[in-house]
Protein backbone atom coordinates (compact mmCIF):
# COMPACT_ATOMS: atom_id res chain seq x y z
CA UNK A 1 0.00 0.00 0.00
CA UNK A 2 2.80 2.43 0.95
CA UNK A 3 4.67 1.53 -2.26
CA UNK A 4 1.68 2.56 -4.38
CA UNK A 5 1.68 6.00 -2.75
CA UNK A 6 5.44 6.41 -3.32
CA UNK A 7 5.03 5.49 -6.99
CA UNK A 8 2.05 7.86 -7.38
CA UNK A 9 3.84 10.79 -5.72
CA UNK A 10 6.98 10.18 -7.80
CA UNK A 11 5.01 10.05 -11.06
CA UNK A 12 2.97 13.11 -10.12
CA UNK A 13 6.18 15.03 -9.38
CA UNK A 14 7.45 14.18 -12.87
CA UNK A 15 4.20 15.37 -14.46
CA UNK A 16 3.98 18.58 -12.42
CA UNK A 17 7.63 19.47 -13.02
CA UNK A 18 7.28 18.85 -16.77
CA UNK A 19 4.19 21.06 -16.96
CA UNK A 20 5.79 23.86 -14.92
CA UNK A 21 9.09 23.72 -16.81
CA UNK A 22 7.40 23.56 -20.22
CA UNK A 23 5.23 26.56 -19.35
CA UNK A 24 8.20 28.45 -17.94
CA UNK A 25 10.49 27.78 -20.89
CA UNK A 26 7.80 28.53 -23.47
CA UNK A 27 6.79 31.84 -21.92
CA UNK A 28 10.31 32.92 -20.95
CA UNK A 29 11.72 32.34 -24.43
CA UNK A 30 8.86 33.75 -26.46
CA UNK A 31 7.64 36.72 -24.38
CA UNK A 32 8.88 40.06 -23.19
CA UNK A 33 10.24 41.12 -19.84
CA UNK A 34 6.89 42.07 -18.27
CA UNK A 35 5.11 38.78 -19.03
CA UNK A 36 8.16 36.80 -17.90
CA UNK A 37 8.17 38.73 -14.59
CA UNK A 38 4.45 38.04 -14.10
CA UNK A 39 5.00 34.31 -14.72
CA UNK A 40 7.88 34.26 -12.26
CA UNK A 41 5.75 35.78 -9.50
CA UNK A 42 2.89 33.39 -10.35
CA UNK A 43 5.25 30.47 -9.68
CA UNK A 44 6.27 32.04 -6.36
CA UNK A 45 2.58 32.57 -5.45
CA UNK A 46 1.73 28.95 -6.36
CA UNK A 47 4.50 27.70 -4.07
CA UNK A 48 3.27 29.88 -1.19
CA UNK A 49 -0.41 28.93 -1.72
CA UNK A 50 0.30 25.18 -1.75
CA UNK A 51 2.56 25.52 1.30
CA UNK A 52 -0.32 27.23 3.13
CA UNK A 53 -2.69 24.41 2.15
CA UNK A 54 -0.17 21.75 3.21
CA UNK A 55 0.22 23.30 6.67
CA UNK A 56 -3.54 23.94 7.05
CA UNK A 57 -4.35 20.31 6.27
CA UNK A 58 -1.96 18.97 8.91
CA UNK A 59 -3.19 21.39 11.59
CA UNK A 60 -6.91 21.13 10.80
CA UNK A 61 -9.50 19.35 12.95
CA UNK A 62 -12.30 17.21 11.52
CA UNK A 63 -14.97 18.15 14.10
CA UNK A 64 -16.01 21.56 12.67
CA UNK A 65 -16.06 20.06 9.18
CA UNK A 66 -18.43 17.29 10.35
CA UNK A 67 -20.71 19.97 11.76
CA UNK A 68 -20.67 21.78 8.40
CA UNK A 69 -21.29 18.52 6.54
CA UNK A 70 -24.44 17.83 8.60
CA UNK A 71 -25.64 21.32 7.65
CA UNK A 72 -24.88 20.44 4.00
CA UNK A 73 -22.25 23.14 3.56
CA UNK A 74 -20.85 22.75 0.06
CA UNK A 75 -17.38 21.22 0.04
CA UNK A 76 -17.46 20.07 3.68
CA UNK A 77 -17.47 16.36 2.82
CA UNK A 78 -14.58 16.86 0.41
CA UNK A 79 -12.74 18.82 3.11
CA UNK A 80 -13.19 15.88 5.52
CA UNK A 81 -11.64 13.59 2.90
CA UNK A 82 -8.73 16.03 2.53
CA UNK A 83 -8.12 16.07 6.31
CA UNK A 84 -8.34 12.27 6.55
CA UNK A 85 -5.58 12.08 3.92
CA UNK A 86 -3.52 14.87 5.51
CA UNK A 87 -0.19 13.06 5.14
CA UNK A 88 -0.64 12.53 1.41
CA UNK A 89 -2.16 15.95 0.72
CA UNK A 90 0.57 17.68 2.72
CA UNK A 91 3.28 15.70 0.93
CA UNK A 92 1.83 16.60 -2.47
CA UNK A 93 1.34 20.30 -1.60
CA UNK A 94 4.63 20.91 0.21
CA UNK A 95 6.99 18.44 -1.42
CA UNK A 96 5.73 18.12 -4.98
CA UNK A 97 4.15 21.46 -5.89
CA UNK A 98 6.02 23.59 -3.34
CA UNK A 99 9.50 22.27 -4.13
CA UNK A 100 8.94 22.25 -7.88
CA UNK A 101 7.66 25.83 -7.73
CA UNK A 102 10.84 26.80 -5.90
CA UNK A 103 13.07 25.11 -8.48
CA UNK A 104 11.17 26.50 -11.47
CA UNK A 105 11.01 30.01 -10.00
CA UNK A 106 14.80 29.83 -9.50
CA UNK A 107 15.43 28.94 -13.14
CA UNK A 108 12.84 31.51 -14.26
CA UNK A 109 14.60 34.15 -12.14
CA UNK A 110 17.90 33.34 -13.88
CA UNK A 111 16.28 33.64 -17.32
CA UNK A 112 14.59 36.90 -16.34
CA UNK A 113 17.87 38.22 -14.96
CA UNK A 114 19.51 37.65 -18.35
CA UNK A 115 16.70 39.61 -20.01
CA UNK A 116 17.04 42.39 -17.44
CA UNK A 117 20.81 42.56 -17.95
CA UNK A 118 20.37 42.93 -21.72
CA UNK A 119 17.58 45.46 -21.36
CA UNK A 120 19.29 47.66 -18.75
CA UNK A 121 22.80 47.13 -20.10
CA UNK A 122 24.19 45.91 -16.77
CA UNK A 123 26.31 42.90 -15.85
CA UNK A 124 24.46 39.60 -15.83
CA UNK A 125 25.87 38.71 -12.41
CA UNK A 126 24.36 41.76 -10.69
CA UNK A 127 20.94 41.18 -12.27
CA UNK A 128 21.02 37.50 -11.30
CA UNK A 129 22.01 38.26 -7.71
CA UNK A 130 19.38 40.97 -7.30
CA UNK A 131 16.53 38.96 -8.83
CA UNK A 132 17.44 35.71 -7.07
CA UNK A 133 17.63 37.55 -3.73
CA UNK A 134 14.22 39.14 -4.37
CA UNK A 135 12.57 35.82 -5.32
CA UNK A 136 14.15 34.06 -2.32
CA UNK A 137 12.99 36.80 0.07
CA UNK A 138 9.44 36.76 -1.35
CA UNK A 139 9.24 32.97 -1.18
CA UNK A 140 10.60 32.62 2.37
CA UNK A 141 8.70 35.65 3.68
CA UNK A 142 5.49 34.55 2.00
CA UNK A 143 5.74 31.01 3.37
CA UNK A 144 6.58 32.25 6.88
CA UNK A 145 3.57 34.57 6.84
CA UNK A 146 1.41 31.87 5.23
CA UNK A 147 2.24 29.27 7.89
CA UNK A 148 0.84 31.40 10.71
CA UNK A 149 -2.29 32.14 8.63
CA UNK A 150 -2.64 28.43 7.83
CA UNK A 151 -2.49 27.44 11.48
CA UNK A 152 -5.00 30.10 12.59
CA UNK A 153 -7.43 29.65 9.68
CA UNK A 154 -6.91 25.94 8.96
CA UNK A 155 -10.61 25.02 8.86
CA UNK A 156 -11.50 27.87 6.46
CA UNK A 157 -8.57 27.04 4.17
CA UNK A 158 -9.37 23.32 4.06
CA UNK A 159 -13.07 24.09 3.48
CA UNK A 160 -12.08 26.37 0.59
CA UNK A 161 -9.99 23.52 -0.88
CA UNK A 162 -12.99 21.20 -0.38
CA UNK A 163 -15.23 23.64 -2.28
CA UNK A 164 -12.72 23.77 -5.15
CA UNK A 165 -12.57 19.98 -5.19
CA UNK A 166 -16.39 19.83 -5.18
CA UNK A 167 -16.44 21.89 -8.39
CA UNK A 168 -14.40 19.22 -10.17
CA UNK A 169 -15.96 16.26 -8.37
CA UNK A 170 -19.71 16.84 -8.26
CA UNK A 171 -20.74 13.69 -6.37
CA UNK A 172 -20.24 13.98 -2.61
CA UNK A 173 -17.86 11.27 -1.31
CA UNK A 174 -19.70 8.18 -0.09
CA UNK A 175 -23.20 9.56 -0.65
CA UNK A 176 -24.31 9.21 -4.26
CA UNK A 177 -24.09 5.46 -4.69
CA UNK A 178 -25.71 4.57 -1.37
CA UNK A 179 -28.68 6.92 -1.76
CA UNK A 180 -29.21 5.73 -5.33
CA UNK A 181 -29.34 2.08 -4.25
CA UNK A 182 -31.67 2.93 -1.38
CA UNK A 183 -33.95 4.76 -3.82
CA UNK A 184 -33.92 1.83 -6.26
CA UNK A 185 -34.92 -0.58 -3.46
CA UNK A 186 -37.89 1.56 -2.46
CA UNK A 187 -39.10 1.83 -6.05
CA UNK A 188 -38.78 -1.92 -6.58
CA UNK A 189 -40.60 -2.57 -3.28
CA UNK A 190 -43.52 -0.37 -4.36
CA UNK A 191 -43.72 -2.04 -7.75
CA UNK A 192 -43.89 -5.49 -6.17
CA UNK A 193 -46.74 -4.46 -3.87
């Protein structure tokens, strides 16, 4: 069972890194300075957002989510599933997406620094140092700030993730099949009578 998870997380890391790198290389090579800078900061923001989710999942409690699920709050059942799989969700968010975002934003910063050096007619080394320092500071500062938010607002963050998951997965976990079978039994019972 554990081996399946290791294989899945390894394969997902390959897919995510390929998508991020392909997007980064395509945009960085074919676009101007402004669009490249926007893409770089999107990668930094993705890393921070997934780090926040990873921390929120591990520090979240199921009890308030169960209360919301009984009141039929949209996404609450998906949020419960997320919390029950906290180790896997946290590993995916922090290790796969978070680490890959950091690596890709580093390479994107180097490419953007080369563009900046050409545009401003300065040495490539100075541009690389300045941009790498800025990206590092934004990433570390954003994650440090995000961790405290994630721990204070863990339930809200996990519920938000559950609502997003509910958009892509319309059937509530564990509900649709059981209620359908129960409904079929009642209909058949009435027909027989």
